[in-house]
Amino acid sequence: MIVTFPVKRPVGAALGQRTGKAMDVTLHIGAHHCATTTFQNYMRLNGDRLATQGVGFWGPRRTRNGLFRGILPRPTAATGRDLRRRAIGRVQMHLARSDGLGLASLVVSDENMMGTPRENLRLGDLYCGVGERMARYDEAFGGRISNVVVNIRSQDRYWASALGYSLTRGRGAAGRATLERLAYGARCWRDVIADVSCAVPDAQIWVLPFETYAGRPEAQLSAVTGIDAPKTHARNWLNATPHLPELRALVDGMAGPPILPKGDGRWQPFSPPQAAALRENYADDLMWLAGGAGGIARLMPVPDKKPRWDNLPVSNTTRGRTNGDEKRRMARAR
């Protein structure tokens, strides 16, 4: 169930001041394990140059340093303060500051807005609470969210990456029942995107596949903002999923039989049928997006791909011109 909250939107004079000059606010919400840290590092290192192009950036160093505290409910000491109202006021104040800088676009990137991988693994599903979470963020931004960018990835690789990071944090390996639940669960990226669309109804939802945009943060930024994004620091890969040798070095001290196979590549905890089921779900998600996603989201076009009209089919591959007399002679021959 998605819980929505009333959003105060500008009216009267306030609306007139923003018409035609509003700063576009883009939420880049992840998902996790989809090169989000690489994108955030690229944005931070190119911050000064992007500011000259009218693009501002809020990353986890700001959003997790108190800016978003209170937007989502959590157990706290009873102080009598309305933390939700204070959080909304704090976000609005920072928005006003960015607006005052004359920025055309503001990109806010924090994958924890969707949820956490630990919660996904505990529940055995993809971002079950994303609808309620995004509704609260939409309220905090006062309905000013123009775009929401969602990165998706083939589920067999997504869950394998999440399980690998869980191992590096000493949480142990997933059991057979957990792998079955992850492989054959009913929830897929389509459900996540639909929840986000319901929670932020006035924003355009853009979906960027990991397989196309991973390691290309400048392509992501250009696709969303339309600027000629700089390529400096664009190939600094961060937080890559550990491969089998690194994982084995981390879990060698754990009690019990070995849980990782031999080899040097990526760890794939799923059996071939389970991995095939996850890939099939992802193919269905991409087909749904390519077909228009019911009008609730748009699949970002592949960058650097020539439009179809630049590659027109050739209808006549015969060299030279046809000879009318030859045709007539051939027609008379019996």
C-alpha atoms as a PDB file:
ATOM      1  CA  MET A   1       0.000   0.000   0.000  1.00  0.00           C
ATOM      2  CA  ILE A   2       1.314   3.443  -0.946  1.00  0.00           C
ATOM      3  CA  VAL A   3       0.724   6.268   1.496  1.00  0.00           C
ATOM      4  CA  THR A   4       0.529   9.730  -0.060  1.00  0.00           C
ATOM      5  CA  PHE A   5       0.892  13.073   1.663  1.00  0.00           C
ATOM      6  CA  PRO A   6      -0.593  16.444   0.723  1.00  0.00           C
ATOM      7  CA  VAL A   7       1.942  18.636  -1.022  1.00  0.00           C
ATOM      8  CA  LYS A   8       1.725  22.435  -0.839  1.00  0.00           C
ATOM      9  CA  ARG A   9       2.218  23.767  -4.333  1.00  0.00           C
ATOM     10  CA  PRO A  10       2.915  27.425  -5.255  1.00  0.00           C
ATOM     11  CA  VAL A  11      -0.125  29.521  -6.072  1.00  0.00           C
ATOM     12  CA  GLY A  12      -0.769  33.116  -7.069  1.00  0.00           C
ATOM     13  CA  ALA A  13       2.275  35.365  -7.030  1.00  0.00           C
ATOM     14  CA  ALA A  14       4.634  32.593  -6.022  1.00  0.00           C
ATOM     15  CA  LEU A  15       3.599  30.562  -9.060  1.00  0.00           C
ATOM     16  CA  GLY A  16       4.062  33.548 -11.325  1.00  0.00           C
ATOM     17  CA  GLN A  17       7.601  34.098 -10.094  1.00  0.00           C
ATOM     18  CA  ARG A  18       8.609  30.539 -10.913  1.00  0.00           C
ATOM     19  CA  THR A  19       6.844  30.140 -14.268  1.00  0.00           C
ATOM     20  CA  GLY A  20       9.438  29.781 -17.025  1.00  0.00           C
ATOM     21  CA  LYS A  21      12.340  30.217 -14.618  1.00  0.00           C
ATOM     22  CA  ALA A  22      11.967  27.292 -12.262  1.00  0.00           C
ATOM     23  CA  MET A  23      15.038  25.292 -11.389  1.00  0.00           C
ATOM     24  CA  ASP A  24      14.619  21.700 -12.526  1.00  0.00           C
ATOM     25  CA  VAL A  25      15.050  19.269  -9.626  1.00  0.00           C
ATOM     26  CA  THR A  26      16.143  15.754 -10.579  1.00  0.00           C
ATOM     27  CA  LEU A  27      16.237  12.961  -8.016  1.00  0.00           C
ATOM     28  CA  HIS A  28      18.739  10.262  -8.913  1.00  0.00           C
ATOM     29  CA  ILE A  29      17.562   7.517  -6.570  1.00  0.00           C
ATOM     30  CA  GLY A  30      19.627   4.511  -7.604  1.00  0.00           C
ATOM     31  CA  ALA A  31      19.169   1.586  -7.334  1.00  0.00           C
ATOM     32  CA  HIS A  32      22.066   0.235  -5.313  1.00  0.00           C
ATOM     33  CA  HIS A  33      24.746  -1.817  -7.096  1.00  0.00           C
ATOM     34  CA  CYS A  34      24.076   0.132 -10.308  1.00  0.00           C
ATOM     35  CA  ALA A  35      27.205   2.366 -10.380  1.00  0.00           C
ATOM     36  CA  THR A  36      25.544   5.070  -8.270  1.00  0.00           C
ATOM     37  CA  THR A  37      28.707   5.717  -6.237  1.00  0.00           C
ATOM     38  CA  THR A  38      30.662   6.183  -9.470  1.00  0.00           C
ATOM     39  CA  PHE A  39      28.093   8.747 -10.642  1.00  0.00           C
ATOM     40  CA  GLN A  40      28.188  10.629  -7.346  1.00  0.00           C
ATOM     41  CA  ASN A  41      31.991  10.731  -7.340  1.00  0.00           C
ATOM     42  CA  TYR A  42      31.965  12.083 -10.904  1.00  0.00           C
ATOM     43  CA  MET A  43      29.458  14.799  -9.995  1.00  0.00           C
ATOM     44  CA  ARG A  44      31.373  15.842  -6.896  1.00  0.00           C
ATOM     45  CA  LEU A  45      34.768  16.042  -8.644  1.00  0.00           C
ATOM     46  CA  ASN A  46      33.288  18.075 -11.502  1.00  0.00           C
ATOM     47  CA  GLY A  47      31.169  20.294  -9.242  1.00  0.00           C
ATOM     48  CA  ASP A  48      32.841  23.604 -10.059  1.00  0.00           C
ATOM     49  CA  ARG A  49      32.735  23.056 -13.800  1.00  0.00           C
ATOM     50  CA  LEU A  50      29.127  21.880 -13.706  1.00  0.00           C
ATOM     51  CA  ALA A  51      28.152  24.971 -11.727  1.00  0.00           C
ATOM     52  CA  THR A  52      29.362  27.146 -14.611  1.00  0.00           C
ATOM     53  CA  GLN A  53      26.983  25.151 -16.831  1.00  0.00           C
ATOM     54  CA  GLY A  54      24.083  25.804 -14.479  1.00  0.00           C
ATOM     55  CA  VAL A  55      23.989  22.361 -12.832  1.00  0.00           C
ATOM     56  CA  GLY A  56      24.116  21.934  -9.054  1.00  0.00           C
ATOM     57  CA  PHE A  57      24.623  18.721  -7.115  1.00  0.00           C
ATOM     58  CA  TRP A  58      23.602  17.323  -3.744  1.00  0.00           C
ATOM     59  CA  GLY A  59      25.153  13.982  -2.921  1.00  0.00           C
ATOM     60  CA  PRO A  60      25.282  11.649   0.083  1.00  0.00           C
ATOM     61  CA  ARG A  61      27.859  13.853   1.794  1.00  0.00           C
ATOM     62  CA  ARG A  62      25.108  16.445   2.135  1.00  0.00           C
ATOM     63  CA  THR A  63      21.915  14.393   2.233  1.00  0.00           C
ATOM     64  CA  ARG A  64      23.227  11.976   4.897  1.00  0.00           C
ATOM     65  CA  ASN A  65      24.800  14.728   6.961  1.00  0.00           C
ATOM     66  CA  GLY A  66      21.542  15.910   8.463  1.00  0.00           C
ATOM     67  CA  LEU A  67      19.730  17.363   5.442  1.00  0.00           C
ATOM     68  CA  PHE A  68      17.218  14.506   5.153  1.00  0.00           C
ATOM     69  CA  ARG A  69      16.995  13.742   8.876  1.00  0.00           C
ATOM     70  CA  GLY A  70      13.337  13.588   9.869  1.00  0.00           C
ATOM     71  CA  ILE A  71      11.832  13.032   6.427  1.00  0.00           C
ATOM     72  CA  LEU A  72      11.442   9.329   7.152  1.00  0.00           C
ATOM     73  CA  PRO A  73      10.072   8.313  10.562  1.00  0.00           C
ATOM     74  CA  ARG A  74      12.342   6.427  12.911  1.00  0.00           C
ATOM     75  CA  PRO A  75      12.555   5.849  16.658  1.00  0.00           C
ATOM     76  CA  THR A  76      13.885   8.961  18.396  1.00  0.00           C
ATOM     77  CA  ALA A  77      13.836  10.509  21.830  1.00  0.00           C
ATOM     78  CA  ALA A  78      10.665  12.366  22.738  1.00  0.00           C
ATOM     79  CA  THR A  79      11.756  16.007  22.508  1.00  0.00           C
ATOM     80  CA  GLY A  80       8.453  17.580  21.521  1.00  0.00           C
ATOM     81  CA  ARG A  81       9.867  18.774  18.210  1.00  0.00           C
ATOM     82  CA  ASP A  82       8.133  18.021  14.925  1.00  0.00           C
ATOM     83  CA  LEU A  83      11.076  16.461  13.082  1.00  0.00           C
ATOM     84  CA  ARG A  84       9.123  16.092   9.860  1.00  0.00           C
ATOM     85  CA  ARG A  85       8.279  19.810   9.675  1.00  0.00           C
ATOM     86  CA  ARG A  86      11.856  20.733  10.526  1.00  0.00           C
ATOM     87  CA  ALA A  87      13.150  18.430   7.763  1.00  0.00           C
ATOM     88  CA  ILE A  88      10.788  19.971   5.196  1.00  0.00           C
ATOM     89  CA  GLY A  89      11.878  23.456   6.208  1.00  0.00           C
ATOM     90  CA  ARG A  90      15.543  22.454   6.009  1.00  0.00           C
ATOM     91  CA  VAL A  91      15.171  21.050   2.479  1.00  0.00           C
ATOM     92  CA  GLN A  92      13.209  24.118   1.348  1.00  0.00           C
ATOM     93  CA  MET A  93      15.906  26.407   2.732  1.00  0.00           C
ATOM     94  CA  HIS A  94      18.630  24.556   0.799  1.00  0.00           C
ATOM     95  CA  LEU A  95      16.468  24.648  -2.339  1.00  0.00           C
ATOM     96  CA  ALA A  96      16.119  28.411  -1.987  1.00  0.00           C
ATOM     97  CA  ARG A  97      19.889  28.766  -1.703  1.00  0.00           C
ATOM     98  CA  SER A  98      20.457  26.715  -4.860  1.00  0.00           C
ATOM     99  CA  ASP A  99      17.758  28.706  -6.646  1.00  0.00           C
ATOM    100  CA  GLY A 100      19.508  31.892  -5.628  1.00  0.00           C
ATOM    101  CA  LEU A 101      22.677  30.755  -7.388  1.00  0.00           C
ATOM    102  CA  GLY A 102      20.830  30.900 -10.697  1.00  0.00           C
ATOM    103  CA  LEU A 103      21.092  27.169 -11.364  1.00  0.00           C
ATOM    104  CA  ALA A 104      19.045  25.730 -14.191  1.00  0.00           C
ATOM    105  CA  SER A 105      19.160  22.178 -12.840  1.00  0.00           C
ATOM    106  CA  LEU A 106      19.765  20.551  -9.472  1.00  0.00           C
ATOM    107  CA  VAL A 107      20.696  16.861  -9.340  1.00  0.00           C
ATOM    108  CA  VAL A 108      20.098  15.155  -5.977  1.00  0.00           C
ATOM    109  CA  SER A 109      21.669  11.693  -5.872  1.00  0.00           C
ATOM    110  CA  ASP A 110      21.260   9.272  -2.971  1.00  0.00           C
ATOM    111  CA  GLU A 111      20.315   5.626  -3.516  1.00  0.00           C
ATOM    112  CA  ASN A 112      19.182   5.292   0.090  1.00  0.00           C
ATOM    113  CA  MET A 113      16.078   7.277  -0.816  1.00  0.00           C
ATOM    114  CA  MET A 114      14.745   3.999  -2.251  1.00  0.00           C
ATOM    115  CA  GLY A 115      15.651   1.854   0.744  1.00  0.00           C
ATOM    116  CA  THR A 116      18.637  -0.331   1.590  1.00  0.00           C
ATOM    117  CA  PRO A 117      20.021  -3.616   0.218  1.00  0.00           C
ATOM    118  CA  ARG A 118      20.024  -5.045   3.733  1.00  0.00           C
ATOM    119  CA  GLU A 119      16.260  -4.514   3.963  1.00  0.00           C
ATOM    120  CA  ASN A 120      15.811  -6.022   0.507  1.00  0.00           C
ATOM    121  CA  LEU A 121      17.681  -9.157   1.545  1.00  0.00           C
ATOM    122  CA  ARG A 122      15.824  -9.383   4.839  1.00  0.00           C
ATOM    123  CA  LEU A 123      12.452  -9.164   3.093  1.00  0.00           C
ATOM    124  CA  GLY A 124      13.570 -11.113   0.038  1.00  0.00           C
ATOM    125  CA  ASP A 125      12.138  -8.548  -2.352  1.00  0.00           C
ATOM    126  CA  LEU A 126      12.938  -5.357  -4.280  1.00  0.00           C
ATOM    127  CA  TYR A 127      12.348  -2.091  -2.389  1.00  0.00           C
ATOM    128  CA  CYS A 128       8.969  -2.921  -0.875  1.00  0.00           C
ATOM    129  CA  GLY A 129       8.623   0.473   0.859  1.00  0.00           C
ATOM    130  CA  VAL A 130       9.779   2.693  -1.989  1.00  0.00           C
ATOM    131  CA  GLY A 131       6.303   4.158  -2.580  1.00  0.00           C
ATOM    132  CA  GLU A 132       5.847   5.554   0.914  1.00  0.00           C
ATOM    133  CA  ARG A 133       9.465   6.735   1.064  1.00  0.00           C
ATOM    134  CA  MET A 134       9.272   8.641  -2.232  1.00  0.00           C
ATOM    135  CA  ALA A 135       5.939  10.219  -1.253  1.00  0.00           C
ATOM    136  CA  ARG A 136       7.642  11.692   1.811  1.00  0.00           C
ATOM    137  CA  TYR A 137      10.523  13.039  -0.286  1.00  0.00           C
ATOM    138  CA  ASP A 138       8.063  14.561  -2.753  1.00  0.00           C
ATOM    139  CA  GLU A 139       6.438  16.352   0.180  1.00  0.00           C
ATOM    140  CA  ALA A 140       9.814  17.587   1.441  1.00  0.00           C
ATOM    141  CA  PHE A 141      10.687  19.045  -1.971  1.00  0.00           C
ATOM    142  CA  GLY A 142       7.334  20.812  -2.147  1.00  0.00           C
ATOM    143  CA  GLY A 143       6.269  19.187  -5.393  1.00  0.00           C
ATOM    144  CA  ARG A 144       9.235  20.690  -7.251  1.00  0.00           C
ATOM    145  CA  ILE A 145      10.670  17.380  -8.468  1.00  0.00           C
ATOM    146  CA  SER A 146      10.870  17.515 -12.271  1.00  0.00           C
ATOM    147  CA  ASN A 147      12.553  14.170 -12.986  1.00  0.00           C
ATOM    148  CA  VAL A 148      13.256  10.945 -11.148  1.00  0.00           C
ATOM    149  CA  VAL A 149      16.085   8.785 -12.498  1.00  0.00           C
ATOM    150  CA  VAL A 150      16.019   5.062 -11.721  1.00  0.00           C
ATOM    151  CA  ASN A 151      18.908   2.767 -12.623  1.00  0.00           C
ATOM    152  CA  ILE A 152      17.992  -0.890 -13.031  1.00  0.00           C
ATOM    153  CA  ARG A 153      20.068  -4.009 -13.517  1.00  0.00           C
ATOM    154  CA  SER A 154      19.503  -7.637 -14.410  1.00  0.00           C
ATOM    155  CA  GLN A 155      18.203  -9.215 -11.216  1.00  0.00           C
ATOM    156  CA  ASP A 156      20.663 -12.119 -11.240  1.00  0.00           C
ATOM    157  CA  ARG A 157      23.569  -9.641 -11.151  1.00  0.00           C
ATOM    158  CA  TYR A 158      21.823  -7.259  -8.763  1.00  0.00           C
ATOM    159  CA  TRP A 159      21.141  -9.920  -6.121  1.00  0.00           C
ATOM    160  CA  ALA A 160      24.575 -11.499  -6.604  1.00  0.00           C
ATOM    161  CA  SER A 161      26.182  -8.111  -5.952  1.00  0.00           C
ATOM    162  CA  ALA A 162      24.002  -7.516  -2.878  1.00  0.00           C
ATOM    163  CA  LEU A 163      24.848 -10.962  -1.495  1.00  0.00           C
ATOM    164  CA  GLY A 164      28.545 -10.403  -2.175  1.00  0.00           C
ATOM    165  CA  TYR A 165      28.576  -7.155  -0.215  1.00  0.00           C
ATOM    166  CA  SER A 166      26.645  -8.844   2.555  1.00  0.00           C
ATOM    167  CA  LEU A 167      29.469 -11.391   2.795  1.00  0.00           C
ATOM    168  CA  THR A 168      32.082  -8.651   3.023  1.00  0.00           C
ATOM    169  CA  ARG A 169      30.252  -7.275   6.050  1.00  0.00           C
ATOM    170  CA  GLY A 170      30.310 -10.581   7.873  1.00  0.00           C
ATOM    171  CA  ARG A 171      26.613 -11.365   7.546  1.00  0.00           C
ATOM    172  CA  GLY A 172      27.120 -14.875   6.211  1.00  0.00           C
ATOM    173  CA  ALA A 173      25.895 -16.573   3.075  1.00  0.00           C
ATOM    174  CA  ALA A 174      22.284 -16.822   1.987  1.00  0.00           C
ATOM    175  CA  GLY A 175      20.604 -20.176   2.501  1.00  0.00           C
ATOM    176  CA  ARG A 176      18.831 -22.250  -0.099  1.00  0.00           C
ATOM    177  CA  ALA A 177      15.396 -20.965   0.915  1.00  0.00           C
ATOM    178  CA  THR A 178      16.549 -17.336   0.602  1.00  0.00           C
ATOM    179  CA  LEU A 179      17.930 -17.930  -2.884  1.00  0.00           C
ATOM    180  CA  GLU A 180      14.670 -19.592  -3.935  1.00  0.00           C
ATOM    181  CA  ARG A 181      12.661 -16.636  -2.634  1.00  0.00           C
ATOM    182  CA  LEU A 182      14.879 -14.141  -4.429  1.00  0.00           C
ATOM    183  CA  ALA A 183      14.855 -16.085  -7.697  1.00  0.00           C
ATOM    184  CA  TYR A 184      11.129 -16.699  -7.908  1.00  0.00           C
ATOM    185  CA  GLY A 185       9.731 -13.672  -6.072  1.00  0.00           C
ATOM    186  CA  ALA A 186       6.819 -11.892  -7.696  1.00  0.00           C
ATOM    187  CA  ARG A 187       8.185  -8.347  -7.395  1.00  0.00           C
ATOM    188  CA  CYS A 188      10.314  -6.954 -10.232  1.00  0.00           C
ATOM    189  CA  TRP A 189      11.572  -3.576 -11.461  1.00  0.00           C
ATOM    190  CA  ARG A 190       8.213  -2.847 -13.060  1.00  0.00           C
ATOM    191  CA  ASP A 191       6.611  -2.848  -9.620  1.00  0.00           C
ATOM    192  CA  VAL A 192       9.310  -0.559  -8.219  1.00  0.00           C
ATOM    193  CA  ILE A 193       8.873   1.928 -11.069  1.00  0.00           C
ATOM    194  CA  ALA A 194       5.082   1.865 -10.708  1.00  0.00           C
ATOM    195  CA  ASP A 195       5.373   2.636  -6.980  1.00  0.00           C
ATOM    196  CA  VAL A 196       7.717   5.556  -7.668  1.00  0.00           C
ATOM    197  CA  SER A 197       5.375   6.925 -10.332  1.00  0.00           C
ATOM    198  CA  CYS A 198       2.397   6.805  -7.954  1.00  0.00           C
ATOM    199  CA  ALA A 199       4.378   8.507  -5.184  1.00  0.00           C
ATOM    200  CA  VAL A 200       5.775  11.320  -7.382  1.00  0.00           C
ATOM    201  CA  PRO A 201       2.963  11.785  -9.915  1.00  0.00           C
ATOM    202  CA  ASP A 202       4.097  15.131 -11.342  1.00  0.00           C
ATOM    203  CA  ALA A 203       7.660  14.012 -12.177  1.00  0.00           C
ATOM    204  CA  GLN A 204       8.918  12.347 -15.334  1.00  0.00           C
ATOM    205  CA  ILE A 205      10.349   8.920 -14.494  1.00  0.00           C
ATOM    206  CA  TRP A 206      13.466   8.041 -16.496  1.00  0.00           C
ATOM    207  CA  VAL A 207      14.843   4.496 -16.443  1.00  0.00           C
ATOM    208  CA  LEU A 208      18.522   3.908 -17.266  1.00  0.00           C
ATOM    209  CA  PRO A 209      19.695   0.276 -17.620  1.00  0.00           C
ATOM    210  CA  PHE A 210      22.958  -0.535 -15.890  1.00  0.00           C
ATOM    211  CA  GLU A 211      24.130  -2.530 -18.908  1.00  0.00           C
ATOM    212  CA  THR A 212      24.060   0.648 -21.037  1.00  0.00           C
ATOM    213  CA  TYR A 213      25.056   3.399 -18.616  1.00  0.00           C
ATOM    214  CA  ALA A 214      27.361   1.711 -16.092  1.00  0.00           C
ATOM    215  CA  GLY A 215      30.723   3.450 -16.003  1.00  0.00           C
ATOM    216  CA  ARG A 216      29.392   6.310 -18.152  1.00  0.00           C
ATOM    217  CA  PRO A 217      28.303   8.985 -15.661  1.00  0.00           C
ATOM    218  CA  GLU A 218      28.739  11.740 -18.233  1.00  0.00           C
ATOM    219  CA  ALA A 219      26.251   9.969 -20.512  1.00  0.00           C
ATOM    220  CA  GLN A 220      23.756   9.750 -17.655  1.00  0.00           C
ATOM    221  CA  LEU A 221      24.128  13.447 -16.870  1.00  0.00           C
ATOM    222  CA  SER A 222      23.848  14.508 -20.516  1.00  0.00           C
ATOM    223  CA  ALA A 223      20.770  12.347 -21.009  1.00  0.00           C
ATOM    224  CA  VAL A 224      18.974  13.871 -18.020  1.00  0.00           C
ATOM    225  CA  THR A 225      20.041  17.527 -18.183  1.00  0.00           C
ATOM    226  CA  GLY A 226      20.823  17.958 -21.884  1.00  0.00           C
ATOM    227  CA  ILE A 227      24.201  19.605 -21.238  1.00  0.00           C
ATOM    228  CA  ASP A 228      27.516  18.677 -22.823  1.00  0.00           C
ATOM    229  CA  ALA A 229      28.808  16.881 -19.730  1.00  0.00           C
ATOM    230  CA  PRO A 230      32.564  16.884 -19.062  1.00  0.00           C
ATOM    231  CA  LYS A 231      34.454  13.617 -19.432  1.00  0.00           C
ATOM    232  CA  THR A 232      36.975  14.413 -16.689  1.00  0.00           C
ATOM    233  CA  HIS A 233      36.862  11.775 -13.897  1.00  0.00           C
ATOM    234  CA  ALA A 234      34.269   9.851 -15.903  1.00  0.00           C
ATOM    235  CA  ARG A 235      36.141   6.548 -15.752  1.00  0.00           C
ATOM    236  CA  ASN A 236      36.851   6.380 -12.025  1.00  0.00           C
ATOM    237  CA  TRP A 237      35.053   3.163 -11.105  1.00  0.00           C
ATOM    238  CA  LEU A 238      34.190   2.881  -7.410  1.00  0.00           C
ATOM    239  CA  ASN A 239      32.667   0.166  -5.231  1.00  0.00           C
ATOM    240  CA  ALA A 240      32.924  -2.552  -7.846  1.00  0.00           C
ATOM    241  CA  THR A 241      31.552  -5.905  -6.712  1.00  0.00           C
ATOM    242  CA  PRO A 242      34.393  -8.024  -5.240  1.00  0.00           C
ATOM    243  CA  HIS A 243      35.359 -11.017  -7.368  1.00  0.00           C
ATOM    244  CA  LEU A 244      35.753 -14.537  -6.049  1.00  0.00           C
ATOM    245  CA  PRO A 245      39.421 -14.284  -4.919  1.00  0.00           C
ATOM    246  CA  GLU A 246      38.635 -11.223  -2.796  1.00  0.00           C
ATOM    247  CA  LEU A 247      35.511 -12.816  -1.357  1.00  0.00           C
ATOM    248  CA  ARG A 248      37.351 -16.036  -0.494  1.00  0.00           C
ATOM    249  CA  ALA A 249      40.039 -14.048   1.300  1.00  0.00           C
ATOM    250  CA  LEU A 250      37.341 -12.427   3.421  1.00  0.00           C
ATOM    251  CA  VAL A 251      35.389 -15.567   4.341  1.00  0.00           C
ATOM    252  CA  ASP A 252      38.276 -18.025   4.849  1.00  0.00           C
ATOM    253  CA  GLY A 253      38.056 -17.583   8.579  1.00  0.00           C
ATOM    254  CA  MET A 254      34.355 -18.394   8.797  1.00  0.00           C
ATOM    255  CA  ALA A 255      33.321 -21.634  10.419  1.00  0.00           C
ATOM    256  CA  GLY A 256      31.751 -24.417   8.398  1.00  0.00           C
ATOM    257  CA  PRO A 257      32.321 -25.795   4.899  1.00  0.00           C
ATOM    258  CA  PRO A 258      33.472 -23.566   2.034  1.00  0.00           C
ATOM    259  CA  ILE A 259      30.628 -21.504   0.644  1.00  0.00           C
ATOM    260  CA  LEU A 260      32.338 -20.065  -2.427  1.00  0.00           C
ATOM    261  CA  PRO A 261      33.309 -21.940  -5.590  1.00  0.00           C
ATOM    262  CA  LYS A 262      36.733 -21.928  -7.182  1.00  0.00           C
ATOM    263  CA  GLY A 263      37.562 -19.499  -9.943  1.00  0.00           C
ATOM    264  CA  ASP A 264      38.521 -15.883 -10.549  1.00  0.00           C
ATOM    265  CA  GLY A 265      35.366 -14.324 -11.951  1.00  0.00           C
ATOM    266  CA  ARG A 266      32.199 -12.960 -10.383  1.00  0.00           C
ATOM    267  CA  TRP A 267      30.352 -14.958  -7.779  1.00  0.00           C
ATOM    268  CA  GLN A 268      27.012 -16.295  -8.958  1.00  0.00           C
ATOM    269  CA  PRO A 269      25.168 -17.787  -5.963  1.00  0.00           C
ATOM    270  CA  PHE A 270      22.141 -18.836  -8.012  1.00  0.00           C
ATOM    271  CA  SER A 271      21.728 -22.132  -9.810  1.00  0.00           C
ATOM    272  CA  PRO A 272      21.391 -21.981 -13.639  1.00  0.00           C
ATOM    273  CA  PRO A 273      17.555 -22.310 -13.523  1.00  0.00           C
ATOM    274  CA  GLN A 274      17.306 -19.619 -10.858  1.00  0.00           C
ATOM    275  CA  ALA A 275      19.589 -17.243 -12.779  1.00  0.00           C
ATOM    276  CA  ALA A 276      17.597 -17.908 -15.960  1.00  0.00           C
ATOM    277  CA  ALA A 277      14.330 -17.028 -14.178  1.00  0.00           C
ATOM    278  CA  LEU A 278      15.807 -13.744 -12.948  1.00  0.00           C
ATOM    279  CA  ARG A 279      17.119 -12.846 -16.400  1.00  0.00           C
ATOM    280  CA  GLU A 280      13.711 -13.614 -17.894  1.00  0.00           C
ATOM    281  CA  ASN A 281      12.078 -11.222 -15.421  1.00  0.00           C
ATOM    282  CA  TYR A 282      14.525  -8.523 -16.422  1.00  0.00           C
ATOM    283  CA  ALA A 283      13.873  -9.114 -20.129  1.00  0.00           C
ATOM    284  CA  ASP A 284      10.147  -8.707 -19.420  1.00  0.00           C
ATOM    285  CA  ASP A 285      10.856  -5.444 -17.575  1.00  0.00           C
ATOM    286  CA  LEU A 286      12.866  -4.064 -20.502  1.00  0.00           C
ATOM    287  CA  MET A 287      10.197  -5.102 -22.996  1.00  0.00           C
ATOM    288  CA  TRP A 288       7.560  -3.375 -20.890  1.00  0.00           C
ATOM    289  CA  LEU A 289       9.666  -0.202 -20.796  1.00  0.00           C
ATOM    290  CA  ALA A 290      10.406  -0.325 -24.530  1.00  0.00           C
ATOM    291  CA  GLY A 291       6.676  -0.615 -25.137  1.00  0.00           C
ATOM    292  CA  GLY A 292       5.964   2.628 -23.293  1.00  0.00           C
ATOM    293  CA  ALA A 293       5.580   1.369 -19.698  1.00  0.00           C
ATOM    294  CA  GLY A 294       1.908   2.265 -19.743  1.00  0.00           C
ATOM    295  CA  GLY A 295       2.818   5.946 -19.893  1.00  0.00           C
ATOM    296  CA  ILE A 296       4.261   6.071 -16.365  1.00  0.00           C
ATOM    297  CA  ALA A 297       7.977   5.971 -17.246  1.00  0.00           C
ATOM    298  CA  ARG A 298      10.346   6.329 -20.162  1.00  0.00           C
ATOM    299  CA  LEU A 299      13.336   4.230 -21.093  1.00  0.00           C
ATOM    300  CA  MET A 300      16.289   6.516 -21.715  1.00  0.00           C
ATOM    301  CA  PRO A 301      17.513   6.143 -25.318  1.00  0.00           C
ATOM    302  CA  VAL A 302      20.898   4.550 -25.883  1.00  0.00           C
ATOM    303  CA  PRO A 303      23.525   7.316 -26.150  1.00  0.00           C
ATOM    304  CA  ASP A 304      25.547   7.693 -29.369  1.00  0.00           C
ATOM    305  CA  LYS A 305      23.094   5.480 -31.274  1.00  0.00           C
ATOM    306  CA  LYS A 306      22.229   6.810 -34.711  1.00  0.00           C
ATOM    307  CA  PRO A 307      18.534   7.413 -35.365  1.00  0.00           C
ATOM    308  CA  ARG A 308      16.945   4.935 -37.703  1.00  0.00           C
ATOM    309  CA  TRP A 309      16.469   7.556 -40.426  1.00  0.00           C
ATOM    310  CA  ASP A 310      20.270   7.936 -40.657  1.00  0.00           C
ATOM    311  CA  ASN A 311      20.514   4.345 -41.845  1.00  0.00           C
ATOM    312  CA  LEU A 312      17.905   4.093 -44.585  1.00  0.00           C
ATOM    313  CA  PRO A 313      17.551   0.685 -46.260  1.00  0.00           C
ATOM    314  CA  VAL A 314      18.851   0.343 -49.818  1.00  0.00           C
ATOM    315  CA  SER A 315      16.086  -0.827 -52.125  1.00  0.00           C
ATOM    316  CA  ASN A 316      18.127  -1.290 -55.319  1.00  0.00           C
ATOM    317  CA  THR A 317      21.491  -3.039 -55.130  1.00  0.00           C
ATOM    318  CA  THR A 318      21.951  -3.497 -58.933  1.00  0.00           C
ATOM    319  CA  ARG A 319      24.800  -1.530 -60.470  1.00  0.00           C
ATOM    320  CA  GLY A 320      23.972   0.689 -63.444  1.00  0.00           C
ATOM    321  CA  ARG A 321      20.602   1.228 -65.089  1.00  0.00           C
ATOM    322  CA  THR A 322      18.176  -1.342 -66.391  1.00  0.00           C
ATOM    323  CA  ASN A 323      17.804  -1.701 -70.158  1.00  0.00           C
ATOM    324  CA  GLY A 324      14.225  -1.468 -71.407  1.00  0.00           C
ATOM    325  CA  ASP A 325      15.000  -3.191 -74.735  1.00  0.00           C
ATOM    326  CA  GLU A 326      16.558  -6.142 -72.930  1.00  0.00           C
ATOM    327  CA  LYS A 327      13.422  -6.527 -70.838  1.00  0.00           C
ATOM    328  CA  ARG A 328      11.233  -6.543 -73.958  1.00  0.00           C
ATOM    329  CA  ARG A 329      13.423  -9.144 -75.705  1.00  0.00           C
ATOM    330  CA  MET A 330      13.344 -11.366 -72.624  1.00  0.00           C
ATOM    331  CA  ALA A 331       9.573 -11.038 -72.428  1.00  0.00           C
ATOM    332  CA  ARG A 332       9.174 -12.281 -76.061  1.00  0.00           C
ATOM    333  CA  ALA A 333      11.428 -15.288 -75.563  1.00  0.00           C
ATOM    334  CA  ARG A 334       9.545 -18.567 -75.144  1.00  0.00           C
END
